[in-house]
Amino acid sequence: MSNMLDTAAEQMMVHRDFQAAFDTCDKCLDTLANMEQEDNRCGEIKAGFCILGIQALAELNQWHGVVFWVLQQYEHQVKIPAKIMQMCILLYSKVGEPAVMQEAARAWLRCPSNSRVIGFGTVAELYLLHVLVPLGHRDEALELIDGEVGCGAFTEDQRQTALEIVEEKERQNQEPPLNPRIGPNSEVTAQTVSTQGALIHKLGTMLKFCYRKLLLTGSGSFPLRRVFLAAVLLYMLFLRMDPALPSSFMWISKLHQLLKQMWSAMFAPYYQALTQSKGL
């Protein structure tokens, strides 16, 4: 069986033959199931075949049958090893079907014997973050956090973090719905305008800071000012801001004022000197 486990791993990792790897795992698991006695070593090999089989099914895009196949290998779902439960929770969370693991994971965590198993806390954490929170099952999540289910799977720090996550999810669920008259694209537009408004503020502050620094450098900074002005103009050229956006009006207006100030500070002394010389 150990050699067959190595063979299945080689088929998957080296040859990338996922179907052959799964067939090897499935056949060897049938052989293990027919054995009269099952010791710890056999249990580890069985778990190894199951892990490789789950990976093979996922690669073959046959993840729908993972839970059913795993339950076939173990007589009771509470007997499933912790690392396999972890894999299944993560798999169905990744494919967007966390509810598939809710019943099996709940029964596994409520089994008293599993609370002493290595990896129990990790299963509880994954069940909370990837099943209960996405599904919005607040009451069950609080029971798990408070230790009413699972004999205290979390430390005090973990409990505090978990409570904050649950509360944040609840706040998101309680946010008022959007006005249906606004339209489906209004939320995206509002977020875009809000994001651009924040960027406008930051860019404006940065430009003013650079402009003040250049003014403080004295008369010898004329080339630097010209470089800075050219950089701003090139930035506007390549950014190609959409003037139709409401957020662009404020930005263009501020930039125009800033450029006028820079232009006056940079060239006004030269124009005045030229005017005076002509007057003479």
Protein backbone atom coordinates (compact mmCIF):
# COMPACT_ATOMS: atom_id res chain seq x y z
CA MET A 1 0.00 0.00 0.00
CA SER A 2 2.87 2.39 0.73
CA ASN A 3 4.32 1.73 -2.71
CA MET A 4 0.92 2.29 -4.32
CA LEU A 5 0.62 5.60 -2.43
CA ASP A 6 3.95 6.66 -3.94
CA THR A 7 2.72 5.53 -7.36
CA ALA A 8 -0.44 7.63 -7.07
CA ALA A 9 1.58 10.66 -5.98
CA GLU A 10 3.94 10.20 -8.94
CA GLN A 11 1.03 9.93 -11.36
CA MET A 12 -0.35 13.19 -10.09
CA MET A 13 2.74 15.30 -9.44
CA VAL A 14 5.10 14.04 -12.14
CA HIS A 15 2.95 12.75 -14.98
CA ARG A 16 -0.04 15.03 -14.29
CA ASP A 17 -2.32 12.09 -15.05
CA PHE A 18 -5.10 12.95 -12.64
CA GLN A 19 -7.52 10.27 -13.79
CA ALA A 20 -4.90 7.53 -13.32
CA ALA A 21 -4.03 8.94 -9.90
CA PHE A 22 -7.66 8.90 -8.82
CA ASP A 23 -8.20 5.37 -10.13
CA THR A 24 -5.16 4.17 -8.17
CA CYS A 25 -6.42 5.83 -4.99
CA ASP A 26 -9.95 4.48 -5.42
CA LYS A 27 -8.72 0.93 -6.06
CA CYS A 28 -6.35 0.92 -3.08
CA LEU A 29 -9.03 2.34 -0.80
CA ASP A 30 -11.30 -0.55 -1.76
CA THR A 31 -8.49 -2.94 -0.83
CA LEU A 32 -8.00 -1.24 2.52
CA ALA A 33 -11.72 -1.38 3.22
CA ASN A 34 -11.69 -5.18 2.80
CA MET A 35 -8.95 -5.65 5.37
CA GLU A 36 -10.10 -7.24 8.62
CA GLN A 37 -8.00 -5.04 10.88
CA GLU A 38 -7.07 -1.39 10.55
CA ASP A 39 -4.20 -0.03 12.65
CA ASN A 40 -2.80 3.50 12.84
CA ARG A 41 -0.48 2.88 9.91
CA CYS A 42 -3.37 1.79 7.72
CA GLY A 43 -5.32 4.84 8.83
CA GLU A 44 -2.50 7.14 7.74
CA ILE A 45 -2.20 5.43 4.36
CA LYS A 46 -5.97 5.63 3.91
CA ALA A 47 -5.92 9.34 4.65
CA GLY A 48 -3.07 9.76 2.16
CA PHE A 49 -5.06 8.08 -0.60
CA CYS A 50 -8.07 10.26 0.23
CA ILE A 51 -6.02 13.46 0.08
CA LEU A 52 -4.57 12.52 -3.31
CA GLY A 53 -8.02 11.47 -4.52
CA ILE A 54 -9.53 14.82 -3.51
CA GLN A 55 -6.78 16.67 -5.34
CA ALA A 56 -7.28 14.53 -8.43
CA LEU A 57 -11.05 15.13 -8.47
CA ALA A 58 -10.49 18.86 -8.09
CA GLU A 59 -8.04 18.87 -11.01
CA LEU A 60 -10.53 16.92 -13.09
CA ASN A 61 -13.21 19.52 -12.23
CA GLN A 62 -15.26 16.81 -10.55
CA TRP A 63 -15.39 18.55 -7.19
CA HIS A 64 -19.15 18.02 -6.92
CA GLY A 65 -18.58 14.40 -5.92
CA VAL A 66 -15.78 14.94 -3.40
CA VAL A 67 -17.92 14.83 -0.25
CA PHE A 68 -19.87 11.78 -1.40
CA TRP A 69 -16.65 9.98 -2.33
CA VAL A 70 -15.01 10.80 1.02
CA LEU A 71 -18.08 9.62 2.93
CA GLN A 72 -17.86 6.32 1.05
CA GLN A 73 -14.38 5.77 2.49
CA TYR A 74 -15.41 6.44 6.10
CA GLU A 75 -18.37 4.72 7.68
CA HIS A 76 -19.30 7.81 9.70
CA GLN A 77 -18.59 11.42 8.80
CA VAL A 78 -17.36 12.12 12.33
CA LYS A 79 -14.51 9.66 11.67
CA ILE A 80 -13.09 11.71 8.82
CA PRO A 81 -9.54 12.91 9.67
CA ALA A 82 -9.16 16.59 10.48
CA LYS A 83 -6.84 17.32 7.56
CA ILE A 84 -9.38 15.90 5.11
CA MET A 85 -12.14 18.02 6.63
CA GLN A 86 -9.91 21.04 6.22
CA MET A 87 -9.29 20.23 2.56
CA CYS A 88 -12.99 19.77 1.85
CA ILE A 89 -13.98 23.04 3.53
CA LEU A 90 -11.35 24.98 1.58
CA LEU A 91 -12.27 23.26 -1.68
CA TYR A 92 -15.99 24.03 -1.50
CA SER A 93 -15.29 27.54 -0.28
CA LYS A 94 -13.03 28.14 -3.30
CA VAL A 95 -15.69 26.96 -5.76
CA GLY A 96 -18.33 29.10 -4.05
CA GLU A 97 -20.37 26.27 -2.50
CA PRO A 98 -19.68 26.54 1.25
CA ALA A 99 -23.14 25.22 2.19
CA VAL A 100 -22.15 21.76 0.95
CA MET A 101 -19.84 21.31 3.94
CA GLN A 102 -22.14 22.80 6.57
CA GLU A 103 -23.85 19.62 7.75
CA ALA A 104 -20.75 17.42 7.70
CA ALA A 105 -18.54 19.99 9.42
CA ARG A 106 -21.16 20.76 12.08
CA ALA A 107 -21.54 17.08 12.94
CA TRP A 108 -17.77 16.61 13.00
CA LEU A 109 -17.22 19.54 15.38
CA ARG A 110 -20.02 18.45 17.70
CA CYS A 111 -18.49 15.00 18.16
CA PRO A 112 -16.81 14.99 21.63
CA SER A 113 -14.01 12.65 20.58
CA ASN A 114 -12.91 15.00 17.80
CA SER A 115 -12.23 17.85 20.24
CA ARG A 116 -9.06 16.03 21.29
CA VAL A 117 -7.85 15.47 17.73
CA ILE A 118 -4.87 17.43 16.41
CA GLY A 119 -6.20 19.94 13.93
CA PHE A 120 -9.59 20.37 15.61
CA GLY A 121 -9.01 24.11 16.10
CA THR A 122 -8.09 24.57 12.46
CA VAL A 123 -11.27 22.83 11.32
CA ALA A 124 -13.32 25.07 13.62
CA GLU A 125 -11.58 28.18 12.31
CA LEU A 126 -12.07 27.22 8.66
CA TYR A 127 -15.70 26.30 9.31
CA LEU A 128 -16.30 29.69 10.89
CA LEU A 129 -14.50 31.79 8.26
CA HIS A 130 -15.38 29.85 5.10
CA VAL A 131 -18.84 28.47 5.88
CA LEU A 132 -20.72 30.25 8.67
CA VAL A 133 -19.59 33.83 7.97
CA PRO A 134 -20.16 33.72 4.18
CA LEU A 135 -23.58 32.12 4.71
CA GLY A 136 -24.50 34.67 7.39
CA HIS A 137 -25.22 32.13 10.15
CA ARG A 138 -24.52 34.51 13.01
CA ASP A 139 -26.08 32.52 15.87
CA GLU A 140 -24.18 29.34 15.09
CA ALA A 141 -20.99 31.34 14.64
CA LEU A 142 -21.38 32.89 18.10
CA GLU A 143 -22.03 29.46 19.62
CA LEU A 144 -18.81 28.19 18.09
CA ILE A 145 -16.84 31.23 19.24
CA ASP A 146 -18.21 31.12 22.80
CA GLY A 147 -17.31 27.46 23.17
CA GLU A 148 -20.88 26.17 23.36
CA VAL A 149 -19.95 23.99 20.39
CA GLY A 150 -16.50 22.45 20.16
CA CYS A 151 -15.33 22.72 23.78
CA GLY A 152 -13.51 26.02 23.31
CA ALA A 153 -11.75 25.67 19.98
CA PHE A 154 -10.43 29.24 20.06
CA THR A 155 -8.01 31.11 22.27
CA GLU A 156 -9.01 34.45 23.76
CA ASP A 157 -7.25 36.39 21.00
CA GLN A 158 -8.82 34.21 18.33
CA ARG A 159 -12.25 34.68 19.89
CA GLN A 160 -11.88 38.46 19.84
CA THR A 161 -10.79 38.44 16.20
CA ALA A 162 -13.61 36.06 15.25
CA LEU A 163 -16.19 38.26 16.98
CA GLU A 164 -14.96 41.29 15.06
CA ILE A 165 -15.28 39.38 11.78
CA VAL A 166 -18.83 38.28 12.59
CA GLU A 167 -19.84 41.81 13.64
CA GLU A 168 -18.36 43.27 10.47
CA LYS A 169 -20.31 40.78 8.36
CA GLU A 170 -23.49 41.67 10.24
CA ARG A 171 -22.93 45.38 9.61
CA GLN A 172 -22.51 44.70 5.92
CA ASN A 173 -25.76 42.75 5.85
CA GLN A 174 -27.62 45.58 7.60
CA GLU A 175 -26.56 48.27 5.14
CA PRO A 176 -29.60 49.82 3.42
CA PRO A 177 -30.23 48.68 -0.16
CA LEU A 178 -29.54 51.00 -3.03
CA ASN A 179 -32.33 53.08 -4.55
CA PRO A 180 -33.66 50.96 -7.45
CA ARG A 181 -34.30 54.10 -9.49
CA ILE A 182 -30.61 54.87 -9.55
CA GLY A 183 -29.80 51.94 -11.83
CA PRO A 184 -27.46 48.94 -11.65
CA ASN A 185 -24.36 50.88 -12.69
CA SER A 186 -24.79 53.70 -10.20
CA GLU A 187 -23.00 51.88 -7.41
CA VAL A 188 -19.96 51.34 -9.62
CA THR A 189 -20.02 54.99 -10.72
CA ALA A 190 -20.33 56.21 -7.13
CA GLN A 191 -17.44 54.04 -6.01
CA THR A 192 -15.35 55.26 -8.95
CA VAL A 193 -16.09 58.90 -8.19
CA SER A 194 -15.35 58.38 -4.49
CA THR A 195 -12.06 56.64 -5.27
CA GLN A 196 -11.03 59.31 -7.74
CA GLY A 197 -11.95 62.01 -5.23
CA ALA A 198 -9.54 60.50 -2.71
CA LEU A 199 -6.84 60.26 -5.36
CA ILE A 200 -7.46 63.85 -6.40
CA HIS A 201 -6.97 65.05 -2.85
CA LYS A 202 -3.74 63.09 -2.44
CA LEU A 203 -2.34 64.21 -5.80
CA GLY A 204 -3.26 67.82 -5.13
CA THR A 205 -1.52 67.72 -1.76
CA MET A 206 1.55 66.15 -3.33
CA LEU A 207 1.73 68.77 -6.09
CA LYS A 208 1.38 71.63 -3.62
CA PHE A 209 4.08 70.12 -1.42
CA CYS A 210 6.48 69.78 -4.36
CA TYR A 211 5.67 73.28 -5.55
CA ARG A 212 6.41 74.79 -2.13
CA LYS A 213 9.67 72.87 -1.90
CA LEU A 214 10.71 74.22 -5.28
CA LEU A 215 9.87 77.78 -4.24
CA LEU A 216 12.02 77.43 -1.13
CA THR A 217 15.06 76.46 -3.19
CA GLY A 218 15.53 80.04 -4.46
CA SER A 219 16.26 81.57 -7.84
CA GLY A 220 18.54 78.74 -8.88
CA SER A 221 15.60 76.40 -8.94
CA PHE A 222 14.25 77.72 -12.27
CA PRO A 223 15.30 74.56 -14.20
CA LEU A 224 13.76 72.38 -11.52
CA ARG A 225 10.51 74.30 -11.74
CA ARG A 226 10.46 73.84 -15.48
CA VAL A 227 11.04 70.11 -15.07
CA PHE A 228 8.27 69.92 -12.50
CA LEU A 229 5.86 71.80 -14.76
CA ALA A 230 6.74 69.55 -17.69
CA ALA A 231 6.23 66.45 -15.52
CA VAL A 232 2.75 67.66 -14.50
CA LEU A 233 1.77 68.34 -18.10
CA LEU A 234 3.04 64.94 -19.22
CA TYR A 235 1.13 63.32 -16.37
CA MET A 236 -2.08 64.97 -17.53
CA LEU A 237 -1.36 63.98 -21.13
CA PHE A 238 -0.84 60.30 -20.43
CA LEU A 239 -3.46 60.01 -17.69
CA ARG A 240 -6.16 61.18 -20.08
CA MET A 241 -8.66 62.07 -17.40
CA ASP A 242 -12.26 61.94 -18.56
CA PRO A 243 -13.60 65.51 -18.38
CA ALA A 244 -17.14 64.16 -18.28
CA LEU A 245 -16.63 62.77 -14.78
CA PRO A 246 -17.87 65.15 -12.06
CA SER A 247 -14.75 64.47 -10.03
CA SER A 248 -12.60 65.74 -12.89
CA PHE A 249 -14.02 69.27 -12.68
CA MET A 250 -12.63 69.96 -9.23
CA TRP A 251 -9.29 68.36 -10.10
CA ILE A 252 -8.87 70.30 -13.37
CA SER A 253 -9.87 73.54 -11.65
CA LYS A 254 -7.38 73.03 -8.83
CA LEU A 255 -4.65 72.00 -11.23
CA HIS A 256 -5.34 75.07 -13.39
CA GLN A 257 -5.04 77.36 -10.37
CA LEU A 258 -1.86 75.64 -9.26
CA LEU A 259 -0.31 75.93 -12.72
CA LYS A 260 -1.20 79.63 -12.87
CA GLN A 261 0.50 80.19 -9.53
CA MET A 262 3.56 78.26 -10.70
CA TRP A 263 3.65 80.16 -14.00
CA SER A 264 3.45 83.51 -12.24
CA ALA A 265 6.15 82.57 -9.74
CA MET A 266 8.45 81.24 -12.44
CA PHE A 267 8.06 83.81 -15.23
CA ALA A 268 6.63 86.98 -13.65
CA PRO A 269 10.07 88.28 -12.51
CA TYR A 270 11.44 87.90 -16.03
CA TYR A 271 8.44 89.61 -17.62
CA GLN A 272 8.73 92.49 -15.16
CA ALA A 273 12.44 92.87 -15.85
CA LEU A 274 11.79 92.80 -19.60
CA THR A 275 9.04 95.42 -19.29
CA GLN A 276 11.23 97.70 -17.24
CA SER A 277 14.08 97.44 -19.75
CA LYS A 278 11.75 98.29 -22.62
CA GLY A 279 10.44 101.29 -20.69
CA LEU A 280 13.93 102.55 -20.30
